[in-house]
Amino acid sequence: MLFATIPEKSHLYCMTPLAWAMRAAGHEVRIASCVEFVDVIARTGMTAVAVGTNDGITEAMTAHRETQVEEKVSFNELDPAKLNYQDELARVTLAAYGSAMYNEPMMEGLVEFARSWRPDLVVWDPLTYSGPIAAGVVGAAHARSLCFADVWTMKRQLFLKLHEQAPPEERHDQMAEWLGERAEQFGGVFTEEFTTGQLTLDPLPDSLGIDTHARRTPVRFVPYNGPAVVPDWLSTPPERPRVCMSLGASNTERYGGDFVSKNDILSAVAELDVEVVAALLPAQVREVGTMPDNVRVVESVPLHALLPSCSALIHHGGFGSYANALVYGVPQMTVTTTVADQIYRGEGLERQGAGLLLERSQVTPEKVRDGIARMLADDGFRRNADRLREEAVSRPSPGAVVPVLERLVEERRTAPWTV
């Protein structure tokens, strides 16, 4: 069983419990990514494989921080009445370009490793499009493991409808063209399964997910936040409502810094009768100034240990923070850019009465403070978060999904591609 992921922690961490379950069931498991990421993989306890180098991705993302807020990188709008072909074509073209930046450096290495190791199944994260190509080369089955709401598939389906209606001379599909060219090099032909997988593993409760036509199976999100040590202070229950702020890793590590002011938000929320815990990266901690006495600034505390004691979470919209809070029934305040599906998920929590959303251009410390005060005062937020928690944890565990993937191997293994 070969897992393939681009070098992003949140993508890997969503897959890790399933990789553990596969190994515990007796399967040989490898996790492949770029050489810069293998130490992160190894710290999950799994066997890592280096398949290329991608040391330029961080420099490129830091140099283009504006890509977090450009409309073309937003996949949040899914209302067909609000879409037009030219805008969606531009979005597909940019998505193909960004996906190639992540995948091209690892594609040859991943194919080479697949040829030598001969996996029966490739499990790939939603942006690792080299995964289905490596699977095709050896005739393996392949499944896509979501770490987003499935806006990617829905956007793809909406784009294809607009594509069919466009004049022939305007029809382009950069994603299909790029993947088709790469598949052809190895003897394959592009199909839509390159974008959906033969099966999609979906961790979101039905009330928060997206109904697409892709074949899918539910799987429980099991929190994993990397190697973790529980600090002593967490053994003492909070005397006041505990509010956590976590701004994730990717903005700091990839984009050169967070997109909201940590100091201003922490100071404003501290005006409430609460205990505030800022669970931050070491680089983020160094940016925090002197804080009020009811603010505790800590480095790298695992969210799965901290959130059960929390009454609210402020976060940047990343899937890891969002899904951790979901399975612990914690109301969420999302302060986010418009990238990917982050607005969609924040709006979903609002519709379900389990959270509030502020897009970055709307964020002020006072609005965050007042939103937290509202969530703490209104028991409905906690009740609705508990309801969503029950939905989330009732999905089949990773261990229960292993037989589903074993059947996929039996059903979908094919002859290897030949050039």
Protein backbone atom coordinates (compact mmCIF):
# COMPACT_ATOMS: atom_id res chain seq x y z
CA MET A 1 0.00 0.00 0.00
CA LEU A 2 1.65 3.19 -1.20
CA PHE A 3 0.56 6.57 0.18
CA ALA A 4 1.59 9.63 -1.83
CA THR A 5 1.41 13.22 -0.66
CA ILE A 6 2.73 16.62 -1.56
CA PRO A 7 5.03 18.01 1.16
CA GLU A 8 2.32 19.57 3.34
CA LYS A 9 1.88 18.50 6.96
CA SER A 10 -1.90 18.87 7.09
CA HIS A 11 -2.27 16.59 4.06
CA LEU A 12 0.03 13.95 5.54
CA TYR A 13 -1.51 14.12 9.01
CA CYS A 14 -5.01 13.48 7.65
CA MET A 15 -3.72 10.27 6.02
CA THR A 16 -1.58 9.05 8.90
CA PRO A 17 -4.23 7.17 10.92
CA LEU A 18 -5.28 5.26 7.79
CA ALA A 19 -1.64 4.35 7.11
CA TRP A 20 -1.38 3.08 10.69
CA ALA A 21 -4.56 1.05 10.22
CA MET A 22 -3.23 -0.47 7.00
CA ARG A 23 0.00 -1.46 8.73
CA ALA A 24 -1.85 -2.87 11.74
CA ALA A 25 -3.94 -4.98 9.35
CA GLY A 26 -0.77 -6.65 8.11
CA HIS A 27 -0.10 -4.71 4.90
CA GLU A 28 3.26 -3.36 3.83
CA VAL A 29 2.99 0.43 3.79
CA ARG A 30 5.19 3.18 2.39
CA ILE A 31 4.57 6.94 2.33
CA ALA A 32 6.22 8.83 -0.54
CA SER A 33 6.92 12.53 -0.90
CA CYS A 34 9.77 14.91 -1.65
CA VAL A 35 13.12 14.45 0.05
CA GLU A 36 12.60 17.61 2.15
CA PHE A 37 9.57 15.95 3.75
CA VAL A 38 10.77 12.45 4.59
CA ASP A 39 11.79 13.32 8.16
CA VAL A 40 8.24 14.55 8.83
CA ILE A 41 6.88 11.28 7.44
CA ALA A 42 9.32 9.19 9.47
CA ARG A 43 8.17 10.90 12.68
CA THR A 44 4.69 9.47 12.10
CA GLY A 45 6.18 6.02 12.66
CA MET A 46 5.75 5.00 9.02
CA THR A 47 8.39 4.18 6.41
CA ALA A 48 9.20 7.15 4.18
CA VAL A 49 10.32 7.15 0.55
CA ALA A 50 11.97 10.19 -1.08
CA VAL A 51 10.75 10.72 -4.64
CA GLY A 52 12.30 13.95 -5.85
CA THR A 53 13.16 17.35 -4.45
CA ASN A 54 11.00 20.44 -4.18
CA ASP A 55 13.13 22.97 -2.36
CA GLY A 56 11.77 25.90 -4.38
CA ILE A 57 8.10 25.71 -3.41
CA THR A 58 8.42 27.70 -0.17
CA GLU A 59 10.42 30.47 -1.84
CA ALA A 60 7.80 30.76 -4.57
CA MET A 61 4.89 30.89 -2.14
CA THR A 62 6.59 33.42 0.12
CA ALA A 63 7.26 35.63 -2.89
CA HIS A 64 3.60 35.49 -3.87
CA ARG A 65 1.65 35.94 -0.62
CA GLU A 66 -1.14 37.58 -2.63
CA THR A 67 -2.11 34.18 -4.04
CA GLN A 68 -3.87 33.50 -0.73
CA VAL A 69 -6.43 36.19 -1.50
CA GLU A 70 -6.74 36.15 -5.30
CA GLU A 71 -10.20 35.24 -6.53
CA LYS A 72 -8.77 32.61 -8.88
CA VAL A 73 -7.49 30.52 -5.97
CA SER A 74 -10.90 30.52 -4.28
CA PHE A 75 -12.88 27.31 -4.82
CA ASN A 76 -15.67 28.36 -2.46
CA GLU A 77 -18.41 29.42 -4.89
CA LEU A 78 -20.42 26.39 -6.03
CA ASP A 79 -23.64 28.04 -7.20
CA PRO A 80 -23.87 27.39 -10.98
CA ALA A 81 -25.88 30.59 -11.45
CA LYS A 82 -22.90 32.64 -10.22
CA LEU A 83 -20.27 31.01 -12.43
CA ASN A 84 -19.13 31.76 -15.96
CA TYR A 85 -16.84 29.86 -18.28
CA GLN A 86 -14.03 32.38 -18.60
CA ASP A 87 -13.58 32.75 -14.83
CA GLU A 88 -13.71 28.98 -14.29
CA LEU A 89 -11.28 28.41 -17.14
CA ALA A 90 -8.84 30.83 -15.51
CA ARG A 91 -9.27 28.98 -12.21
CA VAL A 92 -8.63 25.59 -13.82
CA THR A 93 -5.56 26.92 -15.61
CA LEU A 94 -4.09 28.33 -12.39
CA ALA A 95 -4.93 25.14 -10.49
CA ALA A 96 -3.14 23.05 -13.11
CA TYR A 97 -0.10 25.34 -12.89
CA GLY A 98 0.00 25.16 -9.09
CA SER A 99 -0.56 21.39 -9.09
CA ALA A 100 2.31 20.96 -11.53
CA MET A 101 4.60 22.96 -9.22
CA TYR A 102 3.93 20.43 -6.48
CA ASN A 103 3.79 17.27 -8.60
CA GLU A 104 6.35 17.59 -11.38
CA PRO A 105 9.37 17.37 -9.05
CA MET A 106 8.11 14.08 -7.58
CA MET A 107 6.36 12.42 -10.53
CA GLU A 108 9.32 10.64 -12.14
CA GLY A 109 10.57 9.43 -8.76
CA LEU A 110 7.15 8.22 -7.71
CA VAL A 111 6.71 6.27 -10.95
CA GLU A 112 10.20 4.79 -10.61
CA PHE A 113 9.51 3.67 -7.03
CA ALA A 114 6.12 2.22 -8.00
CA ARG A 115 7.77 0.19 -10.76
CA SER A 116 10.31 -1.24 -8.33
CA TRP A 117 8.02 -1.81 -5.33
CA ARG A 118 4.84 -2.79 -7.23
CA PRO A 119 2.11 -1.52 -4.88
CA ASP A 120 -1.39 -2.99 -5.14
CA LEU A 121 -2.99 0.28 -4.02
CA VAL A 122 -2.00 3.94 -4.16
CA VAL A 123 -3.71 6.33 -1.74
CA TRP A 124 -3.14 9.97 -2.68
CA ASP A 125 -4.05 13.27 -1.14
CA PRO A 126 -6.34 15.54 -3.23
CA LEU A 127 -3.51 17.53 -4.82
CA THR A 128 -1.06 14.67 -5.47
CA TYR A 129 -2.09 14.03 -9.07
CA SER A 130 1.10 12.05 -9.62
CA GLY A 131 -0.54 9.33 -7.48
CA PRO A 132 -3.02 8.00 -10.07
CA ILE A 133 -0.32 8.15 -12.75
CA ALA A 134 2.01 6.00 -10.64
CA ALA A 135 -0.91 3.64 -10.01
CA GLY A 136 -1.64 3.33 -13.73
CA VAL A 137 1.98 2.53 -14.55
CA VAL A 138 1.84 -0.60 -12.38
CA GLY A 139 -1.88 -1.37 -12.71
CA ALA A 140 -2.62 -0.60 -9.06
CA ALA A 141 -5.98 0.52 -7.73
CA HIS A 142 -6.01 4.05 -6.37
CA ALA A 143 -8.02 6.10 -3.90
CA ARG A 144 -8.10 9.78 -3.04
CA SER A 145 -7.98 10.73 0.65
CA LEU A 146 -9.66 14.09 1.28
CA CYS A 147 -8.24 16.76 3.53
CA PHE A 148 -10.71 19.38 2.28
CA ALA A 149 -14.38 19.63 1.60
CA ASP A 150 -14.59 18.20 -1.92
CA VAL A 151 -14.81 21.55 -3.68
CA TRP A 152 -12.23 20.24 -6.16
CA THR A 153 -14.55 17.63 -7.62
CA MET A 154 -17.62 19.86 -7.56
CA LYS A 155 -15.75 22.71 -9.23
CA ARG A 156 -14.47 20.25 -11.81
CA GLN A 157 -17.98 19.01 -12.58
CA LEU A 158 -19.33 22.56 -12.88
CA PHE A 159 -16.43 23.54 -15.13
CA LEU A 160 -17.00 20.58 -17.45
CA LYS A 161 -20.65 21.59 -17.93
CA LEU A 162 -19.59 25.12 -18.85
CA HIS A 163 -16.84 23.68 -21.06
CA GLU A 164 -19.39 21.69 -23.06
CA GLN A 165 -21.45 24.83 -23.67
CA ALA A 166 -18.51 27.02 -24.71
CA PRO A 167 -17.72 27.67 -28.41
CA PRO A 168 -15.32 25.00 -29.72
CA GLU A 169 -12.55 27.51 -30.32
CA GLU A 170 -12.66 28.58 -26.64
CA ARG A 171 -12.60 25.10 -25.13
CA HIS A 172 -9.45 24.44 -23.13
CA ASP A 173 -8.85 22.23 -20.12
CA GLN A 174 -5.35 22.71 -18.80
CA MET A 175 -5.75 20.12 -16.06
CA ALA A 176 -6.76 17.36 -18.49
CA GLU A 177 -4.11 18.47 -20.99
CA TRP A 178 -1.30 18.44 -18.40
CA LEU A 179 -2.27 15.11 -16.86
CA GLY A 180 -3.00 13.61 -20.27
CA GLU A 181 0.44 14.53 -21.56
CA ARG A 182 2.15 13.09 -18.50
CA ALA A 183 0.09 9.89 -18.61
CA GLU A 184 0.82 9.45 -22.30
CA GLN A 185 4.55 9.50 -21.58
CA PHE A 186 4.04 6.39 -19.44
CA GLY A 187 1.57 4.67 -21.76
CA GLY A 188 -1.69 5.89 -20.20
CA VAL A 189 -4.70 7.96 -21.24
CA PHE A 190 -6.33 10.67 -19.11
CA THR A 191 -9.67 9.88 -17.47
CA GLU A 192 -11.62 11.83 -14.86
CA GLU A 193 -10.48 9.26 -12.28
CA PHE A 194 -7.18 11.16 -12.35
CA THR A 195 -9.05 13.96 -10.53
CA THR A 196 -11.48 11.93 -8.38
CA GLY A 197 -9.72 8.66 -7.70
CA GLN A 198 -11.41 5.32 -8.22
CA LEU A 199 -12.70 5.92 -4.70
CA THR A 200 -12.76 9.02 -2.49
CA LEU A 201 -12.30 8.72 1.26
CA ASP A 202 -14.41 11.50 2.81
CA PRO A 203 -14.01 12.44 6.50
CA LEU A 204 -16.65 15.20 6.62
CA PRO A 205 -20.10 14.62 8.13
CA ASP A 206 -22.81 14.62 5.47
CA SER A 207 -24.24 17.90 6.81
CA LEU A 208 -20.91 19.63 6.06
CA GLY A 209 -19.76 17.72 2.97
CA ILE A 210 -20.48 18.08 -0.73
CA ASP A 211 -22.61 15.70 -2.74
CA THR A 212 -20.71 14.97 -5.95
CA HIS A 213 -20.99 12.08 -8.39
CA ALA A 214 -17.63 10.66 -7.39
CA ARG A 215 -17.66 7.22 -5.80
CA ARG A 216 -16.87 7.70 -2.13
CA THR A 217 -16.82 6.04 1.25
CA PRO A 218 -16.99 7.77 4.64
CA VAL A 219 -14.06 7.57 7.04
CA ARG A 220 -13.69 9.02 10.52
CA PHE A 221 -11.20 11.85 10.95
CA VAL A 222 -8.79 10.76 13.69
CA PRO A 223 -6.77 13.67 15.07
CA TYR A 224 -3.02 13.42 14.62
CA ASN A 225 -0.91 16.54 15.10
CA GLY A 226 2.59 15.14 14.88
CA PRO A 227 4.81 13.93 17.73
CA ALA A 228 3.26 15.22 20.93
CA VAL A 229 3.93 15.61 24.64
CA VAL A 230 1.10 16.70 26.92
CA PRO A 231 2.21 19.64 29.11
CA ASP A 232 1.67 19.41 32.87
CA TRP A 233 -0.59 22.47 33.03
CA LEU A 234 -3.24 20.71 30.93
CA SER A 235 -3.95 18.31 33.81
CA THR A 236 -5.59 21.17 35.75
CA PRO A 237 -9.13 21.99 34.55
CA PRO A 238 -9.59 25.65 33.56
CA GLU A 239 -11.35 27.89 36.08
CA ARG A 240 -12.83 30.04 33.32
CA PRO A 241 -13.89 29.23 29.76
CA ARG A 242 -10.76 28.35 27.81
CA VAL A 243 -10.42 29.88 24.33
CA CYS A 244 -7.73 28.50 22.05
CA MET A 245 -6.13 30.33 19.14
CA SER A 246 -4.28 28.23 16.55
CA LEU A 247 -3.14 29.69 13.23
CA GLY A 248 -1.67 26.51 11.80
CA ALA A 249 1.71 25.98 10.18
CA SER A 250 1.37 26.58 6.45
CA ASN A 251 1.02 30.37 6.45
CA THR A 252 4.13 30.77 8.59
CA GLU A 253 6.18 28.03 6.97
CA ARG A 254 5.11 28.61 3.34
CA TYR A 255 3.85 32.17 3.00
CA GLY A 256 6.21 33.94 5.37
CA GLY A 257 3.72 34.87 8.07
CA ASP A 258 0.13 34.86 9.26
CA PHE A 259 -2.58 36.92 7.58
CA VAL A 260 -4.09 38.31 10.80
CA SER A 261 -2.55 40.08 13.80
CA LYS A 262 -1.94 37.62 16.63
CA ASN A 263 -1.13 40.34 19.16
CA ASP A 264 -4.23 42.41 18.50
CA ILE A 265 -6.61 39.45 18.51
CA LEU A 266 -5.16 37.92 21.67
CA SER A 267 -5.28 41.25 23.51
CA ALA A 268 -8.89 41.85 22.47
CA VAL A 269 -10.15 38.38 23.42
CA ALA A 270 -8.33 38.67 26.75
CA GLU A 271 -10.73 41.49 27.67
CA LEU A 272 -13.35 38.79 28.21
CA ASP A 273 -13.62 36.73 31.40
CA VAL A 274 -11.77 33.82 29.81
CA GLU A 275 -8.47 31.98 29.76
CA VAL A 276 -6.79 32.32 26.36
CA VAL A 277 -4.31 29.74 25.10
CA ALA A 278 -2.33 30.65 21.99
CA ALA A 279 -1.05 27.33 20.60
CA LEU A 280 1.58 28.51 18.16
CA LEU A 281 4.70 27.51 16.29
CA PRO A 282 8.03 28.66 17.76
CA ALA A 283 8.34 31.27 14.98
CA GLN A 284 4.85 32.58 15.80
CA VAL A 285 5.60 32.70 19.53
CA ARG A 286 8.59 34.95 18.86
CA GLU A 287 6.26 37.46 17.21
CA VAL A 288 3.93 37.74 20.21
CA GLY A 289 4.55 40.68 22.49
CA THR A 290 3.65 41.15 26.15
CA MET A 291 0.22 39.71 26.82
CA PRO A 292 -2.36 40.14 29.61
CA ASP A 293 -2.14 37.70 32.53
CA ASN A 294 -5.03 35.56 31.26
CA VAL A 295 -3.19 34.73 28.01
CA ARG A 296 -0.95 31.67 27.91
CA VAL A 297 1.34 31.51 24.86
CA VAL A 298 2.66 28.00 24.26
CA GLU A 299 4.71 26.25 21.59
CA SER A 300 3.44 23.27 19.63
CA VAL A 301 0.84 21.96 22.07
CA PRO A 302 -1.06 19.14 20.32
CA LEU A 303 -4.60 20.27 19.53
CA HIS A 304 -6.01 16.81 20.23
CA ALA A 305 -4.81 17.18 23.83
CA LEU A 306 -5.80 20.84 24.26
CA LEU A 307 -9.21 21.12 22.54
CA PRO A 308 -11.21 18.81 24.87
CA SER A 309 -10.75 21.45 27.58
CA CYS A 310 -11.70 24.38 25.34
CA SER A 311 -14.97 26.26 24.96
CA ALA A 312 -14.06 27.91 21.64
CA LEU A 313 -11.36 27.87 18.98
CA ILE A 314 -10.08 30.74 16.83
CA HIS A 315 -8.29 29.46 13.74
CA HIS A 316 -7.14 30.35 10.24
CA GLY A 317 -9.41 27.99 8.29
CA GLY A 318 -6.94 25.13 7.83
CA PHE A 319 -8.46 21.67 7.67
CA GLY A 320 -6.42 20.29 10.56
CA SER A 321 -7.60 22.89 13.08
CA TYR A 322 -11.15 22.73 11.71
CA ALA A 323 -11.42 18.93 11.81
CA ASN A 324 -9.80 18.62 15.24
CA ALA A 325 -12.36 21.05 16.67
CA LEU A 326 -15.12 19.20 14.85
CA VAL A 327 -14.40 15.85 16.50
CA TYR A 328 -14.14 17.45 19.95
CA GLY A 329 -17.35 19.45 19.65
CA VAL A 330 -15.71 22.87 20.00
CA PRO A 331 -17.44 25.94 18.48
CA GLN A 332 -15.18 27.62 15.92
CA MET A 333 -14.35 31.18 14.95
CA THR A 334 -12.77 31.06 11.48
CA VAL A 335 -10.63 34.06 10.47
CA THR A 336 -9.41 33.19 7.01
CA THR A 337 -8.29 34.15 3.56
CA THR A 338 -10.39 33.05 0.59
CA VAL A 339 -8.00 30.34 -0.62
CA ALA A 340 -9.24 26.84 -1.53
CA ASP A 341 -12.33 25.73 0.45
CA GLN A 342 -11.79 27.70 3.64
CA ILE A 343 -14.73 30.09 3.21
CA TYR A 344 -16.98 27.17 2.23
CA ARG A 345 -16.16 25.26 5.43
CA GLY A 346 -16.52 28.36 7.59
CA GLU A 347 -19.92 29.11 6.05
CA GLY A 348 -20.92 25.49 6.66
CA LEU A 349 -20.26 25.87 10.38
CA GLU A 350 -22.30 29.08 10.42
CA ARG A 351 -25.23 27.38 8.66
CA GLN A 352 -25.11 24.60 11.22
CA GLY A 353 -24.99 27.06 14.12
CA ALA A 354 -21.62 25.72 15.31
CA GLY A 355 -19.34 28.63 14.46
CA LEU A 356 -18.76 32.09 13.02
CA LEU A 357 -16.77 33.22 9.98
CA LEU A 358 -14.75 36.35 9.30
CA GLU A 359 -13.00 36.68 5.94
CA ARG A 360 -9.63 38.36 6.36
CA SER A 361 -10.78 41.72 4.94
CA GLN A 362 -13.52 41.76 7.61
CA VAL A 363 -11.32 40.83 10.56
CA THR A 364 -10.88 43.31 13.38
CA PRO A 365 -9.85 42.41 16.94
CA GLU A 366 -13.19 43.74 18.18
CA LYS A 367 -15.19 41.53 15.81
CA VAL A 368 -13.25 38.47 16.89
CA ARG A 369 -13.72 39.35 20.57
CA ASP A 370 -17.44 39.98 20.13
CA GLY A 371 -17.85 36.76 18.15
CA ILE A 372 -16.17 34.73 20.90
CA ALA A 373 -18.35 36.44 23.51
CA ARG A 374 -21.43 35.53 21.49
CA MET A 375 -20.41 31.90 21.12
CA LEU A 376 -19.69 31.56 24.84
CA ALA A 377 -22.97 33.20 25.86
CA ASP A 378 -25.21 31.21 23.49
CA ASP A 379 -25.41 27.51 24.44
CA GLY A 380 -26.73 26.76 20.96
CA PHE A 381 -23.21 26.94 19.54
CA ARG A 382 -22.01 24.20 21.87
CA ARG A 383 -25.10 22.06 21.29
CA ASN A 384 -24.71 22.30 17.53
CA ALA A 385 -20.98 21.61 17.74
CA ASP A 386 -21.80 18.51 19.83
CA ARG A 387 -24.31 17.41 17.18
CA LEU A 388 -21.70 17.74 14.45
CA ARG A 389 -19.24 15.87 16.66
CA GLU A 390 -21.65 12.94 16.88
CA GLU A 391 -21.90 12.93 13.09
CA ALA A 392 -18.15 13.08 12.69
CA VAL A 393 -17.23 10.29 15.10
CA SER A 394 -20.01 7.98 13.88
CA ARG A 395 -18.25 7.55 10.53
CA PRO A 396 -16.32 4.28 10.09
CA SER A 397 -12.88 4.24 11.68
CA PRO A 398 -9.78 3.95 9.50
CA GLY A 399 -9.54 0.33 10.58
CA ALA A 400 -13.07 -0.33 9.34
CA VAL A 401 -12.19 1.22 5.97
CA VAL A 402 -9.25 -1.12 5.37
CA PRO A 403 -11.53 -3.92 4.03
CA VAL A 404 -13.17 -1.40 1.69
CA LEU A 405 -9.77 -0.60 0.20
CA GLU A 406 -8.87 -4.29 0.01
CA ARG A 407 -12.02 -4.84 -2.07
CA LEU A 408 -11.08 -1.90 -4.28
CA VAL A 409 -7.79 -3.66 -5.03
CA GLU A 410 -9.67 -6.82 -5.99
CA GLU A 411 -12.08 -4.89 -8.21
CA ARG A 412 -9.86 -2.32 -9.88
CA ARG A 413 -6.38 -3.74 -10.36
CA THR A 414 -5.57 -3.72 -14.08
CA ALA A 415 -2.75 -4.51 -16.46
CA PRO A 416 0.12 -2.03 -16.20
CA TRP A 417 0.39 0.67 -18.80
CA THR A 418 2.87 0.00 -21.58
CA VAL A 419 4.63 2.54 -23.75
